[in-house]
Protein backbone atom coordinates (compact mmCIF):
# COMPACT_ATOMS: atom_id res chain seq x y z
CA MET A 1 129.57 102.60 91.87
CA LYS A 2 127.55 103.82 94.92
CA ILE A 3 124.76 105.05 92.61
CA TYR A 4 124.68 101.59 90.90
CA PHE A 5 124.31 99.79 94.23
CA CYS A 6 121.58 102.22 95.40
CA LEU A 7 119.61 101.68 92.20
CA LEU A 8 120.06 97.92 92.51
CA PHE A 9 118.88 98.03 96.15
CA ILE A 10 115.75 100.04 95.25
CA LEU A 11 115.01 97.68 92.36
CA ASN A 12 115.35 94.65 94.59
CA ILE A 13 113.06 96.22 97.20
CA GLY A 14 110.49 96.97 94.52
CA GLN A 15 110.67 93.43 93.23
CA ALA A 16 110.38 92.02 96.71
CA THR A 17 107.25 94.13 97.30
CA ILE A 18 105.71 92.94 94.05
CA PHE A 19 106.58 89.37 94.84
CA ALA A 20 105.03 89.62 98.29
CA GLN A 21 101.78 90.78 96.70
CA GLN A 22 101.72 87.74 94.49
CA LYS A 23 101.79 85.31 97.36
CA LEU A 24 98.16 85.59 98.49
CA PRO A 25 96.39 82.20 98.67
CA LYS A 26 94.39 81.32 95.60
CA GLY A 27 91.05 83.02 95.61
CA PHE A 28 92.21 86.11 97.62
CA SER A 29 92.69 89.63 96.40
CA TYR A 30 93.92 93.01 97.58
CA VAL A 31 90.73 95.04 97.92
CA GLN A 32 92.45 98.18 96.61
CA ASP A 33 93.31 96.41 93.34
CA ILE A 34 89.63 95.91 92.57
CA ILE A 35 88.17 98.97 94.33
CA PRO A 36 91.00 101.54 94.05
CA GLU A 37 89.08 104.37 95.75
CA ILE A 38 87.89 102.38 98.74
CA ASN A 39 87.92 104.25 102.04
CA PHE A 40 89.32 102.47 105.05
CA ASP A 41 90.62 102.87 108.54
CA LEU A 42 92.31 99.56 109.32
CA ARG A 43 91.97 99.75 113.12
CA TYR A 44 93.99 96.75 114.06
CA TYR A 45 97.07 97.97 112.23
CA GLY A 46 97.26 100.89 114.68
CA SER A 47 96.32 101.47 118.36
CA HIS A 48 92.85 102.95 117.93
CA ASN A 49 91.03 99.77 118.88
CA PHE A 50 89.63 98.04 121.93
CA VAL A 51 93.04 96.51 122.80
CA GLY A 52 94.80 99.89 122.57
CA LYS A 53 97.74 98.41 120.69
CA LYS A 54 98.67 97.24 117.19
CA ILE A 55 97.42 93.65 116.72
CA GLU A 56 99.61 90.73 115.77
CA GLY A 57 99.52 89.77 112.13
CA TYR A 58 98.77 93.27 110.72
CA ASP A 59 102.04 94.24 109.05
CA SER A 60 100.65 96.99 106.79
CA PRO A 61 97.47 99.03 106.33
CA THR A 62 96.29 96.78 103.56
CA LEU A 63 92.83 95.27 102.89
CA ILE A 64 92.64 91.63 101.91
CA LEU A 65 89.50 89.58 101.16
CA SER A 66 88.42 86.61 99.14
CA THR A 67 88.07 87.67 95.54
CA ALA A 68 84.41 86.68 95.61
CA ALA A 69 83.76 88.97 98.61
CA THR A 70 85.74 91.81 97.04
CA GLN A 71 83.79 91.63 93.80
CA ALA A 72 80.53 91.67 95.72
CA LEU A 73 81.72 94.61 97.74
CA GLU A 74 82.59 96.45 94.54
CA LYS A 75 78.92 96.32 93.56
CA VAL A 76 77.87 97.72 96.90
CA GLU A 77 80.38 100.60 96.51
CA LYS A 78 79.15 101.40 93.00
CA GLU A 79 75.52 101.61 94.09
CA LEU A 80 76.32 103.76 97.13
CA ASN A 81 78.43 106.09 94.90
CA LYS A 82 75.34 106.81 92.82
CA LYS A 83 73.67 108.03 96.00
CA GLY A 84 76.56 110.26 97.02
CA MET A 85 77.83 107.74 99.56
CA ALA A 86 80.63 105.23 99.90
CA LEU A 87 81.86 102.41 102.11
CA LYS A 88 84.51 102.73 104.81
CA ILE A 89 86.15 99.52 105.95
CA PHE A 90 87.52 98.94 109.44
CA ASP A 91 88.63 95.33 109.06
CA ALA A 92 88.60 92.67 106.35
CA TYR A 93 90.68 89.44 106.32
CA ARG A 94 92.06 88.77 109.84
CA PRO A 95 94.78 86.22 110.48
CA GLN A 96 94.19 83.62 113.21
CA LYS A 97 97.16 84.96 115.15
CA ALA A 98 95.25 88.26 115.53
CA VAL A 99 92.24 86.35 116.93
CA ASP A 100 94.64 84.60 119.35
CA HIS A 101 95.92 88.04 120.34
CA PHE A 102 92.35 89.07 121.20
CA LYS A 103 91.83 85.90 123.22
CA LYS A 104 95.01 86.47 125.22
CA TRP A 105 94.10 90.10 125.79
CA ALA A 106 90.65 89.19 127.03
CA THR A 107 92.06 86.96 129.78
CA ASP A 108 94.26 89.75 131.21
CA VAL A 109 91.69 91.62 133.33
CA ASN A 110 94.30 94.33 134.22
CA ASP A 111 94.85 95.38 130.59
CA THR A 112 92.17 97.98 130.10
CA LEU A 113 93.74 100.61 127.78
CA GLY A 114 90.62 100.77 125.53
CA LYS A 115 87.98 100.43 128.21
CA LYS A 116 86.81 104.06 128.39
CA GLU A 117 86.00 104.22 124.68
CA PHE A 118 85.04 100.67 123.72
CA TYR A 119 83.60 98.85 126.73
CA PRO A 120 82.98 101.41 129.52
CA LYS A 121 80.17 99.44 131.15
CA LEU A 122 81.43 95.85 130.69
CA ASP A 123 83.76 93.64 132.60
CA LYS A 124 86.38 92.16 130.29
CA ARG A 125 85.70 88.75 131.79
CA ASN A 126 82.26 88.74 130.17
CA LEU A 127 83.34 89.52 126.62
CA PHE A 128 83.43 85.83 125.60
CA LYS A 129 80.04 85.11 127.10
CA LEU A 130 78.49 88.15 125.43
CA GLY A 131 79.82 87.14 122.00
CA PHE A 132 82.18 90.05 121.46
CA ILE A 133 85.35 87.91 121.58
CA ALA A 134 85.63 84.32 120.21
CA GLY A 135 88.26 81.67 119.62
CA LYS A 136 87.53 81.67 115.90
CA SER A 137 86.41 84.50 113.60
CA GLY A 138 84.72 84.52 110.21
CA HIS A 139 87.25 87.20 109.29
CA SER A 140 89.90 84.51 109.14
CA ARG A 141 88.00 82.69 106.44
CA GLY A 142 88.51 85.75 104.24
CA SER A 143 84.91 86.77 103.38
CA THR A 144 83.90 88.77 106.40
CA VAL A 145 84.14 92.53 106.59
CA ASP A 146 83.52 95.28 109.14
CA LEU A 147 82.35 98.52 107.61
CA THR A 148 80.11 101.57 107.61
CA ILE A 149 78.85 104.17 105.19
CA ILE A 150 80.28 107.67 104.63
CA THR A 151 79.11 110.64 102.54
CA ILE A 152 81.40 111.32 99.60
CA HIS A 153 81.44 115.10 99.86
CA ASP A 154 82.93 115.22 103.37
CA HIS A 155 83.94 111.57 104.08
CA GLN A 156 81.96 111.70 107.33
CA GLU A 157 80.48 108.50 108.71
CA ILE A 158 76.69 108.48 108.84
CA ASP A 159 75.21 108.13 112.33
CA MET A 160 74.81 104.45 113.26
CA GLY A 161 74.13 105.05 116.94
CA SER A 162 77.33 103.50 118.24
CA PRO A 163 80.95 103.44 117.08
CA PHE A 164 82.63 100.51 115.42
CA ASP A 165 83.73 97.83 117.91
CA PHE A 166 81.74 99.28 120.81
CA PHE A 167 80.99 96.40 123.16
CA GLY A 168 77.47 96.89 124.37
CA SER A 169 73.89 96.19 123.52
CA ILE A 170 73.60 99.49 121.67
CA SER A 171 75.71 97.85 118.91
CA HIS A 172 73.13 95.16 118.37
CA PHE A 173 71.43 95.81 115.03
CA ASP A 174 67.92 95.97 116.54
CA SER A 175 68.95 97.90 119.69
CA LYS A 176 66.10 99.84 121.37
CA ASP A 177 68.55 102.55 122.38
CA ILE A 178 68.94 104.12 118.92
CA ASP A 179 66.72 106.75 117.29
CA ARG A 180 64.80 106.63 114.04
CA VAL A 181 67.60 108.10 111.92
CA GLN A 182 70.15 105.76 113.28
CA LYS A 183 67.87 102.76 112.71
CA LYS A 184 67.31 103.95 109.16
CA ASN A 185 71.05 104.18 108.53
CA ARG A 186 71.68 100.71 109.90
CA THR A 187 68.91 99.34 107.73
CA LEU A 188 70.36 101.09 104.66
CA LEU A 189 73.72 99.33 105.27
CA LYS A 190 72.12 95.96 105.95
CA ASN A 191 69.81 96.13 102.95
CA ILE A 192 72.50 97.07 100.45
CA MET A 193 74.93 94.44 101.80
CA SER A 194 72.14 91.83 101.68
CA LYS A 195 71.29 92.83 98.12
CA TYR A 196 74.80 91.75 97.01
CA GLY A 197 75.05 88.50 98.97
CA PHE A 198 76.17 89.42 102.50
CA LYS A 199 74.48 88.49 105.76
CA GLY A 200 74.80 90.58 108.91
CA TYR A 201 75.54 89.70 112.53
CA ALA A 202 72.81 90.60 114.99
CA LYS A 203 75.15 91.76 117.74
CA GLU A 204 77.37 94.04 115.56
CA TRP A 205 75.71 96.34 113.02
CA TRP A 206 79.00 96.70 111.14
CA HIS A 207 79.79 92.97 110.62
CA PHE A 208 78.92 91.17 107.34
CA THR A 209 79.83 87.82 105.81
CA LEU A 210 79.42 86.74 102.19
CA ILE A 211 76.76 84.05 102.23
CA ASN A 212 78.41 81.99 99.53
CA GLU A 213 81.89 82.37 101.02
CA PRO A 214 84.44 80.18 99.24
CA TYR A 215 86.28 78.97 102.36
CA GLN A 216 83.60 78.03 104.84
CA LYS A 217 85.77 75.76 106.96
CA THR A 218 89.29 77.17 106.48
CA TYR A 219 90.79 79.63 108.98
CA PHE A 220 93.86 81.28 107.37
CA ASP A 221 96.85 82.67 109.24
CA PHE A 222 98.96 84.51 106.70
CA ASN A 223 99.81 88.07 107.69
CA VAL A 224 98.21 91.21 106.35
CA ASN A 225 100.93 92.81 104.25
């Protein structure tokens, strides 16, 4: 009898998981379903980020994007693979509650857990003015992604001149503080993303949005799970 109930419990948990993965809004996909080998480090699911804590709305290390953005990203990945490289994603769809978490954090000037690594030369009070924190994010529309390029043989990130989510002018795409190789690497990422329909953000070399995004005015708030 105990074995029966254990099996039934496991079966129900499995069905619940499957059901949960069928509840994405129309037009959204799990990135791993379309690009199974995608590399990622979902920073806001853990504490290695500028806040220094797990961010609200990230319930599992899962990548979600609009299906259109995911299909475009698949083309980028395939072309990079032919060159011995691959994508590494740091963030994809971001619920509005996570953006609200960032906003709340930015107003607490005493919360500086991530300052040394992510904004060593900036005062938190200036993050809104400088464009690093905003009340709305394209990520919440489902077709914006933060990423970089890695080499397949060792999974090491190529040198972009600054880390992901570093708050400073060196993260601007056309920063004068990067060398020739770093500029070349940023240009490689920008060009291949542009080739498949993405546009970059001048202040963050890692940030790209699908030009023909399907939900241009809708900011979603379902959790990442």
